[in-house]
Amino acid sequence: MNSKTDISLLYDFYGELLKPSQQQVVELYVNEDLSLSEVSGLLGISRQGVRDSLNRAEGKLRDYENRLGLLRAYRQRRDRYEAVRGLIDSIKHTDGCDRILPQLNQIEELLKGDD
């Protein structure tokens, strides 16, 4: 996990735990997709300062994930949800499922609460 997308996801879960200056750098570089030079110019710090701040922020985000596992748990829930949806769809397309259709619809309604 080393892409801007991964950092952005970690930031969504743990960004509030970073220092405001680190939040600003991550927002600009990762979420706004600005270059190091552009972030440097906007914030009035060196390119290396931006890089250092990003590295520290990324390290903290990964540490929070290692300790708390919120992103991992979210991905596991999402994967289970998608698996259940797939099973429901496959059952609905099976001949003779009319008897259990009301229960499948109930399950779908319950899953809607997790969207």
C-alpha atoms as a PDB file:
ATOM      1  CA  MET A   1       0.000   0.000   0.000  1.00  0.00           C
ATOM      2  CA  ASN A   2       1.938   2.973  -1.241  1.00  0.00           C
ATOM      3  CA  SER A   3      -0.210   4.897  -3.695  1.00  0.00           C
ATOM      4  CA  LYS A   4      -1.848   8.270  -3.255  1.00  0.00           C
ATOM      5  CA  THR A   5      -5.179   6.450  -3.196  1.00  0.00           C
ATOM      6  CA  ASP A   6      -4.096   4.351  -0.227  1.00  0.00           C
ATOM      7  CA  ILE A   7      -2.814   7.407   1.627  1.00  0.00           C
ATOM      8  CA  SER A   8      -6.062   9.206   0.841  1.00  0.00           C
ATOM      9  CA  LEU A   9      -8.077   6.337   2.335  1.00  0.00           C
ATOM     10  CA  LEU A  10      -5.919   6.280   5.449  1.00  0.00           C
ATOM     11  CA  TYR A  11      -6.302  10.055   5.673  1.00  0.00           C
ATOM     12  CA  ASP A  12     -10.097   9.688   5.513  1.00  0.00           C
ATOM     13  CA  PHE A  13      -9.979   7.477   8.597  1.00  0.00           C
ATOM     14  CA  TYR A  14      -7.175   9.087  10.600  1.00  0.00           C
ATOM     15  CA  GLY A  15      -6.506  12.537   9.147  1.00  0.00           C
ATOM     16  CA  GLU A  16      -7.950  14.349  12.146  1.00  0.00           C
ATOM     17  CA  LEU A  17      -5.228  12.794  14.281  1.00  0.00           C
ATOM     18  CA  LEU A  18      -2.456  14.517  12.309  1.00  0.00           C
ATOM     19  CA  LYS A  19      -1.055  17.936  13.090  1.00  0.00           C
ATOM     20  CA  PRO A  20      -2.803  20.728  11.168  1.00  0.00           C
ATOM     21  CA  SER A  21       0.337  21.372   9.115  1.00  0.00           C
ATOM     22  CA  GLN A  22       0.505  17.701   8.113  1.00  0.00           C
ATOM     23  CA  GLN A  23      -3.191  17.700   7.291  1.00  0.00           C
ATOM     24  CA  GLN A  24      -2.648  20.649   4.997  1.00  0.00           C
ATOM     25  CA  VAL A  25       0.257  18.981   3.173  1.00  0.00           C
ATOM     26  CA  VAL A  26      -1.640  15.715   2.710  1.00  0.00           C
ATOM     27  CA  GLU A  27      -4.748  17.561   1.521  1.00  0.00           C
ATOM     28  CA  LEU A  28      -2.797  19.498  -1.085  1.00  0.00           C
ATOM     29  CA  TYR A  29      -0.451  16.773  -2.298  1.00  0.00           C
ATOM     30  CA  VAL A  30      -2.686  13.709  -2.077  1.00  0.00           C
ATOM     31  CA  ASN A  31      -6.276  14.902  -2.298  1.00  0.00           C
ATOM     32  CA  GLU A  32      -5.743  17.970  -4.511  1.00  0.00           C
ATOM     33  CA  ASP A  33      -3.034  16.147  -6.524  1.00  0.00           C
ATOM     34  CA  LEU A  34      -0.598  19.060  -6.477  1.00  0.00           C
ATOM     35  CA  SER A  35       3.110  18.517  -7.057  1.00  0.00           C
ATOM     36  CA  LEU A  36       5.693  18.892  -4.315  1.00  0.00           C
ATOM     37  CA  SER A  37       6.783  22.170  -5.925  1.00  0.00           C
ATOM     38  CA  GLU A  38       3.232  23.488  -6.039  1.00  0.00           C
ATOM     39  CA  VAL A  39       2.629  22.601  -2.383  1.00  0.00           C
ATOM     40  CA  SER A  40       5.980  24.135  -1.516  1.00  0.00           C
ATOM     41  CA  GLY A  41       5.045  27.386  -3.237  1.00  0.00           C
ATOM     42  CA  LEU A  42       1.621  27.564  -1.618  1.00  0.00           C
ATOM     43  CA  LEU A  43       2.885  26.907   1.883  1.00  0.00           C
ATOM     44  CA  GLY A  44       6.148  28.822   1.627  1.00  0.00           C
ATOM     45  CA  ILE A  45       8.327  25.893   2.645  1.00  0.00           C
ATOM     46  CA  SER A  46      10.984  23.977   0.748  1.00  0.00           C
ATOM     47  CA  ARG A  47      10.230  21.007  -1.451  1.00  0.00           C
ATOM     48  CA  GLN A  48      12.213  18.889   0.988  1.00  0.00           C
ATOM     49  CA  GLY A  49      10.110  20.261   3.845  1.00  0.00           C
ATOM     50  CA  VAL A  50       6.976  19.146   2.019  1.00  0.00           C
ATOM     51  CA  ARG A  51       8.486  15.706   1.382  1.00  0.00           C
ATOM     52  CA  ASP A  52       9.524  15.351   5.041  1.00  0.00           C
ATOM     53  CA  SER A  53       6.075  16.365   6.265  1.00  0.00           C
ATOM     54  CA  LEU A  54       4.427  13.901   3.876  1.00  0.00           C
ATOM     55  CA  ASN A  55       6.707  11.089   5.018  1.00  0.00           C
ATOM     56  CA  ARG A  56       5.986  11.813   8.681  1.00  0.00           C
ATOM     57  CA  ALA A  57       2.248  12.037   8.016  1.00  0.00           C
ATOM     58  CA  GLU A  58       2.260   8.799   6.037  1.00  0.00           C
ATOM     59  CA  GLY A  59       4.179   7.063   8.797  1.00  0.00           C
ATOM     60  CA  LYS A  60       1.677   8.227  11.400  1.00  0.00           C
ATOM     61  CA  LEU A  61      -1.293   7.200   9.246  1.00  0.00           C
ATOM     62  CA  ARG A  62       0.171   3.724   8.756  1.00  0.00           C
ATOM     63  CA  ASP A  63       0.931   3.463  12.469  1.00  0.00           C
ATOM     64  CA  TYR A  64      -2.673   4.375  13.333  1.00  0.00           C
ATOM     65  CA  GLU A  65      -3.904   1.746  10.884  1.00  0.00           C
ATOM     66  CA  ASN A  66      -1.562  -0.889  12.320  1.00  0.00           C
ATOM     67  CA  ARG A  67      -2.808  -0.131  15.817  1.00  0.00           C
ATOM     68  CA  LEU A  68      -6.515   0.440  15.134  1.00  0.00           C
ATOM     69  CA  GLY A  69      -7.230  -1.369  11.861  1.00  0.00           C
ATOM     70  CA  LEU A  70     -10.215   0.763  10.866  1.00  0.00           C
ATOM     71  CA  LEU A  71      -9.452   0.675   7.144  1.00  0.00           C
ATOM     72  CA  ARG A  72      -8.823  -3.075   7.247  1.00  0.00           C
ATOM     73  CA  ALA A  73     -12.137  -3.622   9.057  1.00  0.00           C
ATOM     74  CA  TYR A  74     -13.941  -1.367   6.577  1.00  0.00           C
ATOM     75  CA  ARG A  75     -12.529  -3.344   3.628  1.00  0.00           C
ATOM     76  CA  GLN A  76     -13.516  -6.642   5.246  1.00  0.00           C
ATOM     77  CA  ARG A  77     -17.089  -5.404   5.821  1.00  0.00           C
ATOM     78  CA  ARG A  78     -17.294  -4.133   2.244  1.00  0.00           C
ATOM     79  CA  ASP A  79     -16.036  -7.465   0.879  1.00  0.00           C
ATOM     80  CA  ARG A  80     -18.548  -9.429   2.982  1.00  0.00           C
ATOM     81  CA  TYR A  81     -21.349  -7.105   1.872  1.00  0.00           C
ATOM     82  CA  GLU A  82     -20.445  -7.603  -1.787  1.00  0.00           C
ATOM     83  CA  ALA A  83     -20.282 -11.381  -1.291  1.00  0.00           C
ATOM     84  CA  VAL A  84     -23.760 -11.421   0.286  1.00  0.00           C
ATOM     85  CA  ARG A  85     -25.141  -9.257  -2.530  1.00  0.00           C
ATOM     86  CA  GLY A  86     -23.653 -11.665  -5.064  1.00  0.00           C
ATOM     87  CA  LEU A  87     -25.202 -14.662  -3.323  1.00  0.00           C
ATOM     88  CA  ILE A  88     -28.614 -12.988  -3.200  1.00  0.00           C
ATOM     89  CA  ASP A  89     -28.431 -12.163  -6.908  1.00  0.00           C
ATOM     90  CA  SER A  90     -27.403 -15.711  -7.811  1.00  0.00           C
ATOM     91  CA  ILE A  91     -30.224 -17.217  -5.710  1.00  0.00           C
ATOM     92  CA  LYS A  92     -32.779 -14.877  -7.280  1.00  0.00           C
ATOM     93  CA  HIS A  93     -31.781 -16.120 -10.718  1.00  0.00           C
ATOM     94  CA  THR A  94     -32.267 -19.755  -9.713  1.00  0.00           C
ATOM     95  CA  ASP A  95     -35.392 -21.564 -10.849  1.00  0.00           C
ATOM     96  CA  GLY A  96     -37.922 -22.139  -8.082  1.00  0.00           C
ATOM     97  CA  CYS A  97     -36.747 -19.402  -5.720  1.00  0.00           C
ATOM     98  CA  ASP A  98     -40.268 -17.948  -5.503  1.00  0.00           C
ATOM     99  CA  ARG A  99     -40.754 -19.529  -2.070  1.00  0.00           C
ATOM    100  CA  ILE A 100     -37.794 -17.702  -0.562  1.00  0.00           C
ATOM    101  CA  LEU A 101     -38.107 -14.444  -2.497  1.00  0.00           C
ATOM    102  CA  PRO A 102     -39.716 -12.585   0.456  1.00  0.00           C
ATOM    103  CA  GLN A 103     -36.789 -13.541   2.706  1.00  0.00           C
ATOM    104  CA  LEU A 104     -34.272 -12.448   0.069  1.00  0.00           C
ATOM    105  CA  ASN A 105     -36.056  -9.122  -0.201  1.00  0.00           C
ATOM    106  CA  GLN A 106     -35.898  -8.759   3.582  1.00  0.00           C
ATOM    107  CA  ILE A 107     -32.166  -9.439   3.524  1.00  0.00           C
ATOM    108  CA  GLU A 108     -31.749  -6.808   0.820  1.00  0.00           C
ATOM    109  CA  GLU A 109     -33.646  -4.295   2.940  1.00  0.00           C
ATOM    110  CA  LEU A 110     -31.399  -5.027   5.903  1.00  0.00           C
ATOM    111  CA  LEU A 111     -28.311  -4.552   3.737  1.00  0.00           C
ATOM    112  CA  LYS A 112     -29.558  -1.168   2.551  1.00  0.00           C
ATOM    113  CA  GLY A 113     -28.997   0.117   6.070  1.00  0.00           C
ATOM    114  CA  ASP A 114     -25.242  -0.536   5.623  1.00  0.00           C
ATOM    115  CA  ASP A 115     -24.873   1.405   2.353  1.00  0.00           C
END
